[in-house]
PDB file of N, CA and C in Angstrom:
ATOM      1  N   MET A   1      24.400  50.469  64.984  1.00  0.00           N
ATOM      2  CA  MET A   1      23.639  49.302  64.626  1.00  0.00           C
ATOM      3  C   MET A   1      23.506  48.341  65.801  1.00  0.00           C
ATOM      4  N   GLY A   2      24.583  48.041  66.502  1.00  0.00           N
ATOM      5  CA  GLY A   2      24.556  47.040  67.562  1.00  0.00           C
ATOM      6  C   GLY A   2      24.100  47.584  68.890  1.00  0.00           C
ATOM      7  N   ARG A   3      23.681  46.654  69.767  1.00  0.00           N
ATOM      8  CA  ARG A   3      23.214  47.108  71.062  1.00  0.00           C
ATOM      9  C   ARG A   3      23.739  46.293  72.228  1.00  0.00           C
ATOM     10  N   ILE A   4      24.261  45.081  71.997  1.00  0.00           N
ATOM     11  CA  ILE A   4      24.712  44.267  73.116  1.00  0.00           C
ATOM     12  C   ILE A   4      26.194  43.946  73.000  1.00  0.00           C
ATOM     13  N   TRP A   5      26.634  43.457  71.870  1.00  0.00           N
ATOM     14  CA  TRP A   5      28.012  43.052  71.658  1.00  0.00           C
ATOM     15  C   TRP A   5      28.373  43.297  70.210  1.00  0.00           C
ATOM     16  N   SER A   6      29.632  43.247  69.944  1.00  0.00           N
ATOM     17  CA  SER A   6      30.067  43.305  68.549  1.00  0.00           C
ATOM     18  C   SER A   6      31.410  42.599  68.448  1.00  0.00           C
ATOM     19  N   GLU A   7      31.729  42.180  67.242  1.00  0.00           N
ATOM     20  CA  GLU A   7      33.014  41.562  66.998  1.00  0.00           C
ATOM     21  C   GLU A   7      33.580  42.105  65.699  1.00  0.00           C
ATOM     22  N   GLN A   8      34.861  41.967  65.533  1.00  0.00           N
ATOM     23  CA  GLN A   8      35.489  42.472  64.323  1.00  0.00           C
ATOM     24  C   GLN A   8      35.520  41.384  63.266  1.00  0.00           C
ATOM     25  N   ALA A   9      35.225  41.775  62.049  1.00  0.00           N
ATOM     26  CA  ALA A   9      35.269  40.850  60.917  1.00  0.00           C
ATOM     27  C   ALA A   9      36.090  41.484  59.806  1.00  0.00           C
ATOM     28  N   ARG A  10      36.728  40.644  59.042  1.00  0.00           N
ATOM     29  CA  ARG A  10      37.477  41.077  57.873  1.00  0.00           C
ATOM     30  C   ARG A  10      36.806  40.496  56.646  1.00  0.00           C
ATOM     31  N   LEU A  11      36.662  41.291  55.632  1.00  0.00           N
ATOM     32  CA  LEU A  11      36.058  40.811  54.395  1.00  0.00           C
ATOM     33  C   LEU A  11      37.111  40.125  53.539  1.00  0.00           C
ATOM     34  N   THR A  12      36.772  38.929  53.063  1.00  0.00           N
ATOM     35  CA  THR A  12      37.612  38.273  52.067  1.00  0.00           C
ATOM     36  C   THR A  12      36.770  38.085  50.813  1.00  0.00           C
ATOM     37  N   THR A  13      35.787  37.198  50.867  1.00  0.00           N
ATOM     38  CA  THR A  13      34.902  37.011  49.709  1.00  0.00           C
ATOM     39  C   THR A  13      33.519  37.604  49.950  1.00  0.00           C
ATOM     40  N   ALA A  14      33.196  37.941  51.180  1.00  0.00           N
ATOM     41  CA  ALA A  14      31.880  38.504  51.511  1.00  0.00           C
ATOM     42  C   ALA A  14      31.810  39.980  51.132  1.00  0.00           C
ATOM     43  N   LYS A  15      30.599  40.470  50.996  1.00  0.00           N
ATOM     44  CA  LYS A  15      30.333  41.891  50.741  1.00  0.00           C
ATOM     45  C   LYS A  15      29.686  42.485  51.984  1.00  0.00           C
ATOM     46  N   ALA A  16      30.055  43.702  52.341  1.00  0.00           N
ATOM     47  CA  ALA A  16      29.442  44.384  53.482  1.00  0.00           C
ATOM     48  C   ALA A  16      28.115  44.997  53.053  1.00  0.00           C
ATOM     49  N   LEU A  17      27.055  44.660  53.783  1.00  0.00           N
ATOM     50  CA  LEU A  17      25.743  45.259  53.529  1.00  0.00           C
ATOM     51  C   LEU A  17      25.472  46.423  54.471  1.00  0.00           C
ATOM     52  N   ASP A  18      26.185  46.450  55.589  1.00  0.00           N
ATOM     53  CA  ASP A  18      26.087  47.565  56.534  1.00  0.00           C
ATOM     54  C   ASP A  18      27.399  47.616  57.302  1.00  0.00           C
ATOM     55  N   THR A  19      27.782  48.805  57.724  1.00  0.00           N
ATOM     56  CA  THR A  19      29.052  48.967  58.429  1.00  0.00           C
ATOM     57  C   THR A  19      28.857  49.834  59.670  1.00  0.00           C
ATOM     58  N   TYR A  20      29.863  49.773  60.544  1.00  0.00           N
ATOM     59  CA  TYR A  20      29.932  50.694  61.668  1.00  0.00           C
ATOM     60  C   TYR A  20      30.427  52.030  61.143  1.00  0.00           C
ATOM     61  N   ARG A  21      30.368  53.050  61.960  1.00  0.00           N
ATOM     62  CA  ARG A  21      30.827  54.376  61.533  1.00  0.00           C
ATOM     63  C   ARG A  21      32.280  54.381  61.073  1.00  0.00           C
ATOM     64  N   ASP A  22      33.090  53.503  61.671  1.00  0.00           N
ATOM     65  CA  ASP A  22      34.507  53.473  61.302  1.00  0.00           C
ATOM     66  C   ASP A  22      34.782  52.618  60.060  1.00  0.00           C
ATOM     67  N   GLY A  23      33.723  52.086  59.421  1.00  0.00           N
ATOM     68  CA  GLY A  23      33.877  51.325  58.193  1.00  0.00           C
ATOM     69  C   GLY A  23      33.971  49.821  58.362  1.00  0.00           C
ATOM     70  N   ARG A  24      34.119  49.330  59.603  1.00  0.00           N
ATOM     71  CA  ARG A  24      34.174  47.882  59.815  1.00  0.00           C
ATOM     72  C   ARG A  24      32.826  47.256  59.468  1.00  0.00           C
ATOM     73  N   PRO A  25      32.816  46.029  58.905  1.00  0.00           N
ATOM     74  CA  PRO A  25      31.554  45.394  58.529  1.00  0.00           C
ATOM     75  C   PRO A  25      30.714  45.005  59.747  1.00  0.00           C
ATOM     76  N   ALA A  26      29.432  45.328  59.669  1.00  0.00           N
ATOM     77  CA  ALA A  26      28.480  44.947  60.714  1.00  0.00           C
ATOM     78  C   ALA A  26      27.555  43.829  60.218  1.00  0.00           C
ATOM     79  N   TRP A  27      27.292  43.822  58.908  1.00  0.00           N
ATOM     80  CA  TRP A  27      26.423  42.811  58.296  1.00  0.00           C
ATOM     81  C   TRP A  27      27.039  42.444  56.957  1.00  0.00           C
ATOM     82  N   THR A  28      27.288  41.164  56.752  1.00  0.00           N
ATOM     83  CA  THR A  28      27.899  40.730  55.509  1.00  0.00           C
ATOM     84  C   THR A  28      27.027  39.691  54.808  1.00  0.00           C
ATOM     85  N   ARG A  29      27.263  39.567  53.507  1.00  0.00           N
ATOM     86  CA  ARG A  29      26.581  38.576  52.670  1.00  0.00           C
ATOM     87  C   ARG A  29      27.646  37.903  51.826  1.00  0.00           C
ATOM     88  N   ASN A  30      27.609  36.562  51.803  1.00  0.00           N
ATOM     89  CA  ASN A  30      28.600  35.817  51.049  1.00  0.00           C
ATOM     90  C   ASN A  30      27.926  34.683  50.286  1.00  0.00           C
ATOM     91  N   GLU A  31      28.191  34.615  48.992  1.00  0.00           N
ATOM     92  CA  GLU A  31      27.691  33.497  48.196  1.00  0.00           C
ATOM     93  C   GLU A  31      28.697  32.367  48.321  1.00  0.00           C
ATOM     94  N   TRP A  32      28.179  31.170  48.634  1.00  0.00           N
ATOM     95  CA  TRP A  32      29.061  30.026  48.854  1.00  0.00           C
ATOM     96  C   TRP A  32      28.378  28.787  48.324  1.00  0.00           C
ATOM     97  N   GLY A  33      29.025  28.077  47.427  1.00  0.00           N
ATOM     98  CA  GLY A  33      28.397  26.903  46.825  1.00  0.00           C
ATOM     99  C   GLY A  33      27.125  27.335  46.109  1.00  0.00           C
ATOM    100  N   GLY A  34      26.033  26.659  46.401  1.00  0.00           N
ATOM    101  CA  GLY A  34      24.756  27.005  45.783  1.00  0.00           C
ATOM    102  C   GLY A  34      23.902  27.893  46.660  1.00  0.00           C
ATOM    103  N   GLY A  35      24.464  28.441  47.744  1.00  0.00           N
ATOM    104  CA  GLY A  35      23.652  29.230  48.659  1.00  0.00           C
ATOM    105  C   GLY A  35      24.270  30.562  49.007  1.00  0.00           C
ATOM    106  N   THR A  36      23.636  31.204  49.953  1.00  0.00           N
ATOM    107  CA  THR A  36      24.058  32.520  50.414  1.00  0.00           C
ATOM    108  C   THR A  36      24.061  32.526  51.929  1.00  0.00           C
ATOM    109  N   ALA A  37      25.084  33.121  52.518  1.00  0.00           N
ATOM    110  CA  ALA A  37      25.180  33.243  53.974  1.00  0.00           C
ATOM    111  C   ALA A  37      25.210  34.714  54.359  1.00  0.00           C
ATOM    112  N   HIS A  38      24.441  35.043  55.370  1.00  0.00           N
ATOM    113  CA  HIS A  38      24.476  36.384  55.955  1.00  0.00           C
ATOM    114  C   HIS A  38      25.101  36.257  57.336  1.00  0.00           C
ATOM    115  N   TYR A  39      25.863  37.273  57.724  1.00  0.00           N
ATOM    116  CA  TYR A  39      26.499  37.250  59.034  1.00  0.00           C
ATOM    117  C   TYR A  39      26.399  38.623  59.666  1.00  0.00           C
ATOM    118  N   LEU A  40      25.973  38.651  60.924  1.00  0.00           N
ATOM    119  CA  LEU A  40      25.906  39.885  61.694  1.00  0.00           C
ATOM    120  C   LEU A  40      27.004  39.860  62.740  1.00  0.00           C
ATOM    121  N   THR A  41      27.780  40.928  62.824  1.00  0.00           N
ATOM    122  CA  THR A  41      28.831  40.999  63.834  1.00  0.00           C
ATOM    123  C   THR A  41      28.318  41.630  65.119  1.00  0.00           C
ATOM    124  N   THR A  42      27.011  41.857  65.187  1.00  0.00           N
ATOM    125  CA  THR A  42      26.381  42.449  66.354  1.00  0.00           C
ATOM    126  C   THR A  42      24.912  42.067  66.367  1.00  0.00           C
ATOM    127  N   LEU A  43      24.241  42.331  67.475  1.00  0.00           N
ATOM    128  CA  LEU A  43      22.801  42.151  67.554  1.00  0.00           C
ATOM    129  C   LEU A  43      22.167  43.520  67.368  1.00  0.00           C
ATOM    130  N   PRO A  44      21.496  43.751  66.230  1.00  0.00           N
ATOM    131  CA  PRO A  44      20.918  45.075  65.992  1.00  0.00           C
ATOM    132  C   PRO A  44      19.746  45.365  66.918  1.00  0.00           C
ATOM    133  N   ALA A  45      19.494  46.643  67.120  1.00  0.00           N
ATOM    134  CA  ALA A  45      18.360  47.052  67.936  1.00  0.00           C
ATOM    135  C   ALA A  45      17.046  46.577  67.317  1.00  0.00           C
ATOM    136  N   ASP A  46      16.983  46.519  65.994  1.00  0.00           N
ATOM    137  CA  ASP A  46      15.789  46.042  65.294  1.00  0.00           C
ATOM    138  C   ASP A  46      16.216  45.081  64.195  1.00  0.00           C
ATOM    139  N   LEU A  47      15.911  43.815  64.371  1.00  0.00           N
ATOM    140  CA  LEU A  47      16.285  42.783  63.411  1.00  0.00           C
ATOM    141  C   LEU A  47      15.297  42.696  62.248  1.00  0.00           C
ATOM    142  N   SER A  48      14.132  43.309  62.375  1.00  0.00           N
ATOM    143  CA  SER A  48      13.069  43.187  61.372  1.00  0.00           C
ATOM    144  C   SER A  48      13.489  43.568  59.957  1.00  0.00           C
ATOM    145  N   PRO A  49      14.118  44.728  59.724  1.00  0.00           N
ATOM    146  CA  PRO A  49      14.471  45.069  58.345  1.00  0.00           C
ATOM    147  C   PRO A  49      15.485  44.106  57.738  1.00  0.00           C
ATOM    148  N   ILE A  50      16.376  43.586  58.554  1.00  0.00           N
ATOM    149  CA  ILE A  50      17.363  42.634  58.053  1.00  0.00           C
ATOM    150  C   ILE A  50      16.666  41.338  57.654  1.00  0.00           C
ATOM    151  N   MET A  51      15.808  40.829  58.536  1.00  0.00           N
ATOM    152  CA  MET A  51      15.093  39.588  58.233  1.00  0.00           C
ATOM    153  C   MET A  51      14.185  39.761  57.027  1.00  0.00           C
ATOM    154  N   ALA A  52      13.557  40.907  56.893  1.00  0.00           N
ATOM    155  CA  ALA A  52      12.696  41.156  55.729  1.00  0.00           C
ATOM    156  C   ALA A  52      13.506  41.100  54.440  1.00  0.00           C
ATOM    157  N   ARG A  53      14.687  41.705  54.450  1.00  0.00           N
ATOM    158  CA  ARG A  53      15.530  41.697  53.245  1.00  0.00           C
ATOM    159  C   ARG A  53      16.032  40.296  52.917  1.00  0.00           C
ATOM    160  N   VAL A  54      16.468  39.558  53.930  1.00  0.00           N
ATOM    161  CA  VAL A  54      16.967  38.200  53.713  1.00  0.00           C
ATOM    162  C   VAL A  54      15.842  37.299  53.205  1.00  0.00           C
ATOM    163  N   CYS A  55      14.657  37.399  53.797  1.00  0.00           N
ATOM    164  CA  CYS A  55      13.517  36.585  53.361  1.00  0.00           C
ATOM    165  C   CYS A  55      13.108  36.932  51.934  1.00  0.00           C
ATOM    166  N   GLU A  56      13.073  38.214  51.614  1.00  0.00           N
ATOM    167  CA  GLU A  56      12.721  38.621  50.249  1.00  0.00           C
ATOM    168  C   GLU A  56      13.725  38.062  49.247  1.00  0.00           C
ATOM    169  N   GLU A  57      15.003  38.191  49.570  1.00  0.00           N
ATOM    170  CA  GLU A  57      16.053  37.683  48.692  1.00  0.00           C
ATOM    171  C   GLU A  57      15.923  36.168  48.485  1.00  0.00           C
ATOM    172  N   ALA A  58      15.515  35.447  49.527  1.00  0.00           N
ATOM    173  CA  ALA A  58      15.405  33.989  49.450  1.00  0.00           C
ATOM    174  C   ALA A  58      14.061  33.532  48.892  1.00  0.00           C
ATOM    175  N   GLY A  59      13.144  34.477  48.657  1.00  0.00           N
ATOM    176  CA  GLY A  59      11.838  34.110  48.133  1.00  0.00           C
ATOM    177  C   GLY A  59      10.904  33.542  49.183  1.00  0.00           C
ATOM    178  N   VAL A  60      11.176  33.830  50.445  1.00  0.00           N
ATOM    179  CA  VAL A  60      10.348  33.344  51.539  1.00  0.00           C
ATOM    180  C   VAL A  60       9.208  34.334  51.774  1.00  0.00           C
ATOM    181  N   THR A  61       7.996  33.820  51.824  1.00  0.00           N
ATOM    182  CA  THR A  61       6.839  34.668  52.094  1.00  0.00           C
ATOM    183  C   THR A  61       6.203  34.239  53.408  1.00  0.00           C
ATOM    184  N   PRO A  62       5.576  35.165  54.113  1.00  0.00           N
ATOM    185  CA  PRO A  62       4.968  34.813  55.401  1.00  0.00           C
ATOM    186  C   PRO A  62       3.809  33.838  55.227  1.00  0.00           C
ATOM    187  N   ALA A  63       3.627  32.974  56.229  1.00  0.00           N
ATOM    188  CA  ALA A  63       2.515  32.023  56.215  1.00  0.00           C
ATOM    189  C   ALA A  63       1.188  32.771  56.315  1.00  0.00           C
ATOM    190  N   ALA A  64       1.190  33.899  56.989  1.00  0.00           N
ATOM    191  CA  ALA A  64       0.003  34.740  57.146  1.00  0.00           C
ATOM    192  C   ALA A  64       0.477  36.096  57.651  1.00  0.00           C
ATOM    193  N   GLN A  65      -0.317  37.120  57.416  1.00  0.00           N
ATOM    194  CA  GLN A  65       0.005  38.436  57.951  1.00  0.00           C
ATOM    195  C   GLN A  65      -0.293  38.421  59.444  1.00  0.00           C
ATOM    196  N   ALA A  66       0.665  38.834  60.234  1.00  0.00           N
ATOM    197  CA  ALA A  66       0.496  38.835  61.680  1.00  0.00           C
ATOM    198  C   ALA A  66       1.073  40.112  62.261  1.00  0.00           C
ATOM    199  N   PRO A  67       0.473  40.592  63.344  1.00  0.00           N
ATOM    200  CA  PRO A  67       1.022  41.785  63.991  1.00  0.00           C
ATOM    201  C   PRO A  67       2.354  41.468  64.670  1.00  0.00           C
ATOM    202  N   PRO A  68       3.142  42.495  64.974  1.00  0.00           N
ATOM    203  CA  PRO A  68       4.414  42.267  65.663  1.00  0.00           C
ATOM    204  C   PRO A  68       4.201  41.488  66.959  1.00  0.00           C
ATOM    205  N   GLY A  69       5.103  40.545  67.213  1.00  0.00           N
ATOM    206  CA  GLY A  69       5.019  39.753  68.439  1.00  0.00           C
ATOM    207  C   GLY A  69       4.197  38.484  68.302  1.00  0.00           C
ATOM    208  N   VAL A  70       3.599  38.270  67.120  1.00  0.00           N
ATOM    209  CA  VAL A  70       2.826  37.053  66.884  1.00  0.00           C
ATOM    210  C   VAL A  70       3.583  36.209  65.865  1.00  0.00           C
ATOM    211  N   GLU A  71       3.963  35.017  66.274  1.00  0.00           N
ATOM    212  CA  GLU A  71       4.733  34.091  65.437  1.00  0.00           C
ATOM    213  C   GLU A  71       3.752  33.183  64.702  1.00  0.00           C
ATOM    214  N   VAL A  72       3.915  33.063  63.391  1.00  0.00           N
ATOM    215  CA  VAL A  72       2.997  32.270  62.580  1.00  0.00           C
ATOM    216  C   VAL A  72       3.795  31.295  61.717  1.00  0.00           C
ATOM    217  N   VAL A  73       3.384  30.018  61.753  1.00  0.00           N
ATOM    218  CA  VAL A  73       4.024  28.989  60.944  1.00  0.00           C
ATOM    219  C   VAL A  73       2.933  28.114  60.351  1.00  0.00           C
ATOM    220  N   ARG A  74       3.059  27.789  59.059  1.00  0.00           N
ATOM    221  CA  ARG A  74       2.118  26.859  58.425  1.00  0.00           C
ATOM    222  C   ARG A  74       2.848  25.553  58.156  1.00  0.00           C
ATOM    223  N   ARG A  75       2.227  24.456  58.559  1.00  0.00           N
ATOM    224  CA  ARG A  75       2.756  23.122  58.301  1.00  0.00           C
ATOM    225  C   ARG A  75       1.793  22.411  57.365  1.00  0.00           C
ATOM    226  N   THR A  76       2.315  21.824  56.303  1.00  0.00           N
ATOM    227  CA  THR A  76       1.480  21.144  55.314  1.00  0.00           C
ATOM    228  C   THR A  76       1.919  19.697  55.190  1.00  0.00           C
ATOM    229  N   HIS A  77       0.945  18.784  55.236  1.00  0.00           N
ATOM    230  CA  HIS A  77       1.201  17.357  55.059  1.00  0.00           C
ATOM    231  C   HIS A  77       1.252  17.019  53.577  1.00  0.00           C
ATOM    232  N   PRO A  78       1.921  15.923  53.212  1.00  0.00           N
ATOM    233  CA  PRO A  78       1.962  15.504  51.805  1.00  0.00           C
ATOM    234  C   PRO A  78       0.571  15.268  51.215  1.00  0.00           C
ATOM    235  N   ASP A  79      -0.408  14.913  52.062  1.00  0.00           N
ATOM    236  CA  ASP A  79      -1.762  14.672  51.543  1.00  0.00           C
ATOM    237  C   ASP A  79      -2.550  15.963  51.344  1.00  0.00           C
ATOM    238  N   GLY A  80      -1.921  17.118  51.628  1.00  0.00           N
ATOM    239  CA  GLY A  80      -2.574  18.396  51.386  1.00  0.00           C
ATOM    240  C   GLY A  80      -3.158  19.076  52.613  1.00  0.00           C
ATOM    241  N   ARG A  81      -3.302  18.338  53.719  1.00  0.00           N
ATOM    242  CA  ARG A  81      -3.816  18.989  54.930  1.00  0.00           C
ATOM    243  C   ARG A  81      -2.824  20.054  55.392  1.00  0.00           C
ATOM    244  N   SER A  82      -3.362  21.170  55.868  1.00  0.00           N
ATOM    245  CA  SER A  82      -2.522  22.293  56.261  1.00  0.00           C
ATOM    246  C   SER A  82      -2.969  22.810  57.623  1.00  0.00           C
ATOM    247  N   TYR A  83      -2.003  23.112  58.481  1.00  0.00           N
ATOM    248  CA  TYR A  83      -2.284  23.641  59.813  1.00  0.00           C
ATOM    249  C   TYR A  83      -1.523  24.951  59.987  1.00  0.00           C
ATOM    250  N   LEU A  84      -2.195  25.937  60.531  1.00  0.00           N
ATOM    251  CA  LEU A  84      -1.578  27.230  60.823  1.00  0.00           C
ATOM    252  C   LEU A  84      -1.423  27.346  62.331  1.00  0.00           C
ATOM    253  N   PHE A  85      -0.186  27.520  62.778  1.00  0.00           N
ATOM    254  CA  PHE A  85       0.110  27.708  64.191  1.00  0.00           C
ATOM    255  C   PHE A  85       0.371  29.193  64.413  1.00  0.00           C
ATOM    256  N   ALA A  86      -0.341  29.790  65.355  1.00  0.00           N
ATOM    257  CA  ALA A  86      -0.126  31.202  65.698  1.00  0.00           C
ATOM    258  C   ALA A  86       0.183  31.280  67.185  1.00  0.00           C
ATOM    259  N   ILE A  87       1.344  31.831  67.508  1.00  0.00           N
ATOM    260  CA  ILE A  87       1.782  31.950  68.896  1.00  0.00           C
ATOM    261  C   ILE A  87       1.882  33.437  69.219  1.00  0.00           C
ATOM    262  N   ASN A  88       1.071  33.870  70.154  1.00  0.00           N
ATOM    263  CA  ASN A  88       1.038  35.283  70.531  1.00  0.00           C
ATOM    264  C   ASN A  88       1.962  35.501  71.721  1.00  0.00           C
ATOM    265  N   HIS A  89       3.102  36.156  71.477  1.00  0.00           N
ATOM    266  CA  HIS A  89       4.090  36.414  72.523  1.00  0.00           C
ATOM    267  C   HIS A  89       3.827  37.744  73.241  1.00  0.00           C
ATOM    268  N   THR A  90       2.737  38.405  72.923  1.00  0.00           N
ATOM    269  CA  THR A  90       2.474  39.729  73.489  1.00  0.00           C
ATOM    270  C   THR A  90       1.452  39.656  74.623  1.00  0.00           C
ATOM    271  N   ASP A  91       1.198  40.809  75.224  1.00  0.00           N
ATOM    272  CA  ASP A  91       0.194  40.921  76.281  1.00  0.00           C
ATOM    273  C   ASP A  91      -1.154  41.387  75.744  1.00  0.00           C
ATOM    274  N   GLU A  92      -1.263  41.516  74.425  1.00  0.00           N
ATOM    275  CA  GLU A  92      -2.493  41.980  73.790  1.00  0.00           C
ATOM    276  C   GLU A  92      -3.068  40.882  72.900  1.00  0.00           C
ATOM    277  N   ASP A  93      -4.408  40.778  72.859  1.00  0.00           N
ATOM    278  CA  ASP A  93      -5.049  39.847  71.939  1.00  0.00           C
ATOM    279  C   ASP A  93      -4.745  40.271  70.508  1.00  0.00           C
ATOM    280  N   ALA A  94      -4.714  39.297  69.586  1.00  0.00           N
ATOM    281  CA  ALA A  94      -4.406  39.577  68.190  1.00  0.00           C
ATOM    282  C   ALA A  94      -5.327  38.754  67.299  1.00  0.00           C
ATOM    283  N   VAL A  95      -5.349  39.109  66.007  1.00  0.00           N
ATOM    284  CA  VAL A  95      -6.130  38.378  65.015  1.00  0.00           C
ATOM    285  C   VAL A  95      -5.209  38.021  63.857  1.00  0.00           C
ATOM    286  N   VAL A  96      -5.241  36.735  63.454  1.00  0.00           N
ATOM    287  CA  VAL A  96      -4.458  36.241  62.320  1.00  0.00           C
ATOM    288  C   VAL A  96      -5.417  35.478  61.418  1.00  0.00           C
ATOM    289  N   GLU A  97      -5.535  35.922  60.171  1.00  0.00           N
ATOM    290  CA  GLU A  97      -6.453  35.313  59.195  1.00  0.00           C
ATOM    291  C   GLU A  97      -7.852  35.128  59.771  1.00  0.00           C
ATOM    292  N   GLY A  98      -8.336  36.136  60.475  1.00  0.00           N
ATOM    293  CA  GLY A  98      -9.691  36.112  61.016  1.00  0.00           C
ATOM    294  C   GLY A  98      -9.863  35.269  62.261  1.00  0.00           C
ATOM    295  N   VAL A  99      -8.773  34.706  62.791  1.00  0.00           N
ATOM    296  CA  VAL A  99      -8.839  33.865  63.991  1.00  0.00           C
ATOM    297  C   VAL A  99      -8.252  34.630  65.165  1.00  0.00           C
ATOM    298  N   ALA A 100      -9.006  34.677  66.274  1.00  0.00           N
ATOM    299  CA  ALA A 100      -8.529  35.364  67.472  1.00  0.00           C
ATOM    300  C   ALA A 100      -7.407  34.558  68.117  1.00  0.00           C
ATOM    301  N   VAL A 101      -6.334  35.252  68.475  1.00  0.00           N
ATOM    302  CA  VAL A 101      -5.200  34.631  69.166  1.00  0.00           C
ATOM    303  C   VAL A 101      -5.020  35.388  70.481  1.00  0.00           C
ATOM    304  N   PRO A 102      -5.527  34.825  71.580  1.00  0.00           N
ATOM    305  CA  PRO A 102      -5.442  35.527  72.873  1.00  0.00           C
ATOM    306  C   PRO A 102      -4.000  35.816  73.279  1.00  0.00           C
ATOM    307  N   ALA A 103      -3.817  36.855  74.050  1.00  0.00           N
ATOM    308  CA  ALA A 103      -2.502  37.229  74.539  1.00  0.00           C
ATOM    309  C   ALA A 103      -1.853  36.056  75.236  1.00  0.00           C
ATOM    310  N   GLY A 104      -0.578  35.794  74.911  1.00  0.00           N
ATOM    311  CA  GLY A 104       0.174  34.745  75.563  1.00  0.00           C
ATOM    312  C   GLY A 104      -0.306  33.335  75.274  1.00  0.00           C
ATOM    313  N   ASP A 105      -1.028  33.120  74.171  1.00  0.00           N
ATOM    314  CA  ASP A 105      -1.620  31.811  73.896  1.00  0.00           C
ATOM    315  C   ASP A 105      -1.210  31.308  72.508  1.00  0.00           C
ATOM    316  N   VAL A 106      -1.537  30.049  72.253  1.00  0.00           N
ATOM    317  CA  VAL A 106      -1.258  29.401  70.964  1.00  0.00           C
ATOM    318  C   VAL A 106      -2.587  28.956  70.353  1.00  0.00           C
ATOM    319  N   VAL A 107      -2.756  29.196  69.058  1.00  0.00           N
ATOM    320  CA  VAL A 107      -3.950  28.751  68.355  1.00  0.00           C
ATOM    321  C   VAL A 107      -3.488  27.943  67.145  1.00  0.00           C
ATOM    322  N   VAL A 108      -4.129  26.803  66.914  1.00  0.00           N
ATOM    323  CA  VAL A 108      -3.843  25.964  65.755  1.00  0.00           C
ATOM    324  C   VAL A 108      -5.122  25.829  64.958  1.00  0.00           C
ATOM    325  N   THR A 109      -5.068  26.132  63.671  1.00  0.00           N
ATOM    326  CA  THR A 109      -6.231  25.965  62.808  1.00  0.00           C
ATOM    327  C   THR A 109      -5.893  25.000  61.695  1.00  0.00           C
ATOM    328  N   GLY A 110      -6.850  24.271  61.252  1.00  0.00           N
ATOM    329  CA  GLY A 110      -6.636  23.312  60.171  1.00  0.00           C
ATOM    330  C   GLY A 110      -7.925  22.589  59.871  1.00  0.00           C
ATOM    331  N   PRO A 111      -7.822  21.493  59.112  1.00  0.00           N
ATOM    332  CA  PRO A 111      -9.033  20.768  58.715  1.00  0.00           C
ATOM    333  C   PRO A 111      -9.743  20.141  59.897  1.00  0.00           C
TER     334      PRO A 111
END
């Protein structure tokens, strides 16, 4: 699972969601108070499936469908105005909600 570093963890109240081959926890989930905490004892080669599971569990949905490497955030004002920020971290042009996002650039759409 890990690619750069790892540390040892012991389970007390947390549950292991993934382990190393030797059974040590690599990813844990713990309910605490009114929330939930996830902990990784390493940096996985691909964080996407973990983030997808955590977001689904928390009821978080994407602001817009975006290709890999394009960061999308929607900000909404109390008066209802909404702005979509798309940041393209790749070397290729991309499209988000029908708006072109040039490689290495930021696009903001709104009213």
